[in-house]
Every structure is written in C-alpha cells, then in structure tokens.
C-alpha cells in the first residue's frame, strides 16, 4: 500500500528533440517504490503502457515498443525513459507512475521544435 509520502514527479514538463536524437525523460520519486511504469498517450487516444521496472525486473509492452528502454537510478530516486533515435511518431504525452495508473502530475510532452 502506498502512503502520502510516495510521490513521483517529472524533471520537466516538456522535452524538445529533433529526429534521430536520443531523448531521456526523467522523473524523481520519494518514498519506497515497488515498480516504476511509463506510459505514452497520443492526442485523442487512451494511454499506452510502454515499460516497467519492478524490483529490477524489466517488463515491456506486448508487442514491445522499439527504441524504448528504462533506467532506474535508485541512488538518485529517479527513473528515466530513454527513446533512442527519436522520430516524429514519438511526439506524445508521456507519464511516469508508481503503480499501473496514469493519474497525477506525472507527465512529459515530447515535441518537434519549430
């Protein structure tokens, strides 16, 4: 059971990248965590599960989303979603979560720069 001290927040609200760049989205958390989840949501669509780290065991979406990986930096109480070789199709809203949900202030937006 989570308590009020278990909170996860993004490092930044938006990340801008050009195609083929490696993009890192980061969230930091407080409290003790059992699992860290990442989701992606396109405009007008429901959130899509991407990947999770549960006690060091990585579970990817089925089928896996290519070019996506997760890095849990326990010493920093942070978790990164790494998108290798970003594409226009990666422009979306991304969520980090402590459990299988997409509520709260846990979002990043990735957009092509103007």
C-alpha atoms as a PDB file:
ATOM      1  CA  UNK A   1       0.000   0.000   0.000  1.00  0.00           C
ATOM      2  CA  UNK A   2       1.304   3.436  -0.935  1.00  0.00           C
ATOM      3  CA  UNK A   3       1.268   6.265   1.552  1.00  0.00           C
ATOM      4  CA  UNK A   4       1.130  10.028   1.095  1.00  0.00           C
ATOM      5  CA  UNK A   5       4.943  10.215   1.007  1.00  0.00           C
ATOM      6  CA  UNK A   6       5.157   8.094  -2.166  1.00  0.00           C
ATOM      7  CA  UNK A   7       5.191  10.762  -4.887  1.00  0.00           C
ATOM      8  CA  UNK A   8       6.621  10.812  -8.416  1.00  0.00           C
ATOM      9  CA  UNK A   9       7.179  13.995 -10.429  1.00  0.00           C
ATOM     10  CA  UNK A  10       8.730  14.775 -13.828  1.00  0.00           C
ATOM     11  CA  UNK A  11      12.006  16.721 -14.037  1.00  0.00           C
ATOM     12  CA  UNK A  12      10.487  18.920 -16.754  1.00  0.00           C
ATOM     13  CA  UNK A  13       7.093  19.458 -18.356  1.00  0.00           C
ATOM     14  CA  UNK A  14       8.281  19.347 -21.964  1.00  0.00           C
ATOM     15  CA  UNK A  15      11.260  17.991 -23.888  1.00  0.00           C
ATOM     16  CA  UNK A  16      12.074  19.086 -27.427  1.00  0.00           C
ATOM     17  CA  UNK A  17      14.114  16.915 -29.763  1.00  0.00           C
ATOM     18  CA  UNK A  18      14.990  16.552 -33.409  1.00  0.00           C
ATOM     19  CA  UNK A  19      14.706  13.321 -35.352  1.00  0.00           C
ATOM     20  CA  UNK A  20      17.385  10.671 -34.640  1.00  0.00           C
ATOM     21  CA  UNK A  21      18.288  12.279 -31.293  1.00  0.00           C
ATOM     22  CA  UNK A  22      18.324  10.159 -28.137  1.00  0.00           C
ATOM     23  CA  UNK A  23      15.749  11.562 -25.722  1.00  0.00           C
ATOM     24  CA  UNK A  24      15.754  10.995 -21.975  1.00  0.00           C
ATOM     25  CA  UNK A  25      12.633  11.711 -19.918  1.00  0.00           C
ATOM     26  CA  UNK A  26      13.213  11.650 -16.169  1.00  0.00           C
ATOM     27  CA  UNK A  27      11.053  11.503 -13.067  1.00  0.00           C
ATOM     28  CA  UNK A  28      12.105  11.536  -9.448  1.00  0.00           C
ATOM     29  CA  UNK A  29      10.216   9.953  -6.597  1.00  0.00           C
ATOM     30  CA  UNK A  30      10.034   9.955  -2.825  1.00  0.00           C
ATOM     31  CA  UNK A  31       9.340   7.013  -0.555  1.00  0.00           C
ATOM     32  CA  UNK A  32       9.989   3.378  -1.313  1.00  0.00           C
ATOM     33  CA  UNK A  33       8.797   2.043  -4.646  1.00  0.00           C
ATOM     34  CA  UNK A  34       7.986  -1.443  -5.832  1.00  0.00           C
ATOM     35  CA  UNK A  35       7.566  -0.624  -9.501  1.00  0.00           C
ATOM     36  CA  UNK A  36       8.053   2.254 -11.923  1.00  0.00           C
ATOM     37  CA  UNK A  37       5.849   2.499 -15.017  1.00  0.00           C
ATOM     38  CA  UNK A  38       5.996   4.539 -18.212  1.00  0.00           C
ATOM     39  CA  UNK A  39       3.038   5.262 -20.500  1.00  0.00           C
ATOM     40  CA  UNK A  40       2.610   7.192 -23.756  1.00  0.00           C
ATOM     41  CA  UNK A  41      -0.560   8.965 -24.861  1.00  0.00           C
ATOM     42  CA  UNK A  42      -1.289  10.361 -28.314  1.00  0.00           C
ATOM     43  CA  UNK A  43      -3.899  13.107 -28.701  1.00  0.00           C
ATOM     44  CA  UNK A  44      -7.392  11.623 -28.723  1.00  0.00           C
ATOM     45  CA  UNK A  45      -6.200   8.142 -27.679  1.00  0.00           C
ATOM     46  CA  UNK A  46      -6.021   6.334 -24.347  1.00  0.00           C
ATOM     47  CA  UNK A  47      -2.636   5.938 -22.602  1.00  0.00           C
ATOM     48  CA  UNK A  48      -0.447   3.086 -23.875  1.00  0.00           C
ATOM     49  CA  UNK A  49       1.737   1.062 -21.495  1.00  0.00           C
ATOM     50  CA  UNK A  50       5.400   1.170 -22.586  1.00  0.00           C
ATOM     51  CA  UNK A  51       7.662  -0.393 -19.979  1.00  0.00           C
ATOM     52  CA  UNK A  52       8.066  -1.000 -16.248  1.00  0.00           C
ATOM     53  CA  UNK A  53      10.805  -1.815 -13.765  1.00  0.00           C
ATOM     54  CA  UNK A  54       9.587  -3.959 -10.865  1.00  0.00           C
ATOM     55  CA  UNK A  55      12.308  -4.793  -8.339  1.00  0.00           C
ATOM     56  CA  UNK A  56      14.881  -4.653 -11.157  1.00  0.00           C
ATOM     57  CA  UNK A  57      12.880  -6.894 -13.498  1.00  0.00           C
ATOM     58  CA  UNK A  58      12.001  -5.120 -16.759  1.00  0.00           C
ATOM     59  CA  UNK A  59       8.641  -5.773 -18.443  1.00  0.00           C
ATOM     60  CA  UNK A  60       7.951  -4.291 -21.872  1.00  0.00           C
ATOM     61  CA  UNK A  61       4.682  -3.768 -23.681  1.00  0.00           C
ATOM     62  CA  UNK A  62       3.424  -6.667 -25.778  1.00  0.00           C
ATOM     63  CA  UNK A  63       4.461  -6.194 -28.511  1.00  0.00           C
ATOM     64  CA  UNK A  64       7.483  -4.197 -27.299  1.00  0.00           C
ATOM     65  CA  UNK A  65       7.842  -0.599 -28.457  1.00  0.00           C
ATOM     66  CA  UNK A  66      11.109  -0.422 -30.381  1.00  0.00           C
ATOM     67  CA  UNK A  67      13.732   2.077 -29.265  1.00  0.00           C
ATOM     68  CA  UNK A  68      12.357   2.369 -25.700  1.00  0.00           C
ATOM     69  CA  UNK A  69      14.327   1.496 -22.563  1.00  0.00           C
ATOM     70  CA  UNK A  70      14.133   2.266 -18.846  1.00  0.00           C
ATOM     71  CA  UNK A  71      16.862   3.195 -16.382  1.00  0.00           C
ATOM     72  CA  UNK A  72      16.120   3.128 -12.656  1.00  0.00           C
ATOM     73  CA  UNK A  73      18.720   5.154 -10.752  1.00  0.00           C
ATOM     74  CA  UNK A  74      17.946   4.100  -7.195  1.00  0.00           C
ATOM     75  CA  UNK A  75      20.749   6.185  -5.684  1.00  0.00           C
ATOM     76  CA  UNK A  76      19.094   9.319  -7.121  1.00  0.00           C
ATOM     77  CA  UNK A  77      15.485   8.174  -6.556  1.00  0.00           C
ATOM     78  CA  UNK A  78      14.856   8.677 -10.249  1.00  0.00           C
ATOM     79  CA  UNK A  79      13.732   6.759 -13.317  1.00  0.00           C
ATOM     80  CA  UNK A  80      14.470   7.555 -16.953  1.00  0.00           C
ATOM     81  CA  UNK A  81      12.654   6.614 -20.128  1.00  0.00           C
ATOM     82  CA  UNK A  82      15.149   6.565 -22.987  1.00  0.00           C
ATOM     83  CA  UNK A  83      13.930   6.936 -26.562  1.00  0.00           C
ATOM     84  CA  UNK A  84      16.729   6.092 -28.967  1.00  0.00           C
ATOM     85  CA  UNK A  85      16.645   7.722 -32.386  1.00  0.00           C
ATOM     86  CA  UNK A  86      13.556   9.869 -31.832  1.00  0.00           C
ATOM     87  CA  UNK A  87      11.023  10.120 -34.646  1.00  0.00           C
ATOM     88  CA  UNK A  88       8.059  12.388 -35.337  1.00  0.00           C
ATOM     89  CA  UNK A  89       5.860   9.469 -34.229  1.00  0.00           C
ATOM     90  CA  UNK A  90       7.344   9.828 -30.699  1.00  0.00           C
ATOM     91  CA  UNK A  91       5.636  13.222 -30.270  1.00  0.00           C
ATOM     92  CA  UNK A  92       3.213  12.451 -27.445  1.00  0.00           C
ATOM     93  CA  UNK A  93       2.414  12.882 -23.779  1.00  0.00           C
ATOM     94  CA  UNK A  94       4.457  10.540 -21.542  1.00  0.00           C
ATOM     95  CA  UNK A  95       3.592   9.506 -17.989  1.00  0.00           C
ATOM     96  CA  UNK A  96       5.698   8.027 -15.225  1.00  0.00           C
ATOM     97  CA  UNK A  97       3.808   6.249 -12.449  1.00  0.00           C
ATOM     98  CA  UNK A  98       4.439   4.270  -9.262  1.00  0.00           C
ATOM     99  CA  UNK A  99       1.671   1.783  -9.985  1.00  0.00           C
ATOM    100  CA  UNK A 100      -0.437   0.749 -13.000  1.00  0.00           C
ATOM    101  CA  UNK A 101      -2.258   4.048 -13.364  1.00  0.00           C
ATOM    102  CA  UNK A 102      -1.883   7.309 -15.226  1.00  0.00           C
ATOM    103  CA  UNK A 103      -3.160   9.843 -12.708  1.00  0.00           C
ATOM    104  CA  UNK A 104      -1.443  12.739 -11.043  1.00  0.00           C
ATOM    105  CA  UNK A 105       1.230  15.219 -12.071  1.00  0.00           C
ATOM    106  CA  UNK A 106       3.465  12.746 -13.873  1.00  0.00           C
ATOM    107  CA  UNK A 107       3.576  13.886 -17.464  1.00  0.00           C
ATOM    108  CA  UNK A 108       6.136  14.925 -20.065  1.00  0.00           C
ATOM    109  CA  UNK A 109       5.445  16.218 -23.536  1.00  0.00           C
ATOM    110  CA  UNK A 110       7.847  15.499 -26.389  1.00  0.00           C
ATOM    111  CA  UNK A 111       7.502  17.712 -29.446  1.00  0.00           C
ATOM    112  CA  UNK A 112       9.398  18.537 -32.600  1.00  0.00           C
ATOM    113  CA  UNK A 113      10.957  22.022 -32.297  1.00  0.00           C
ATOM    114  CA  UNK A 114       9.513  24.707 -34.566  1.00  0.00           C
END
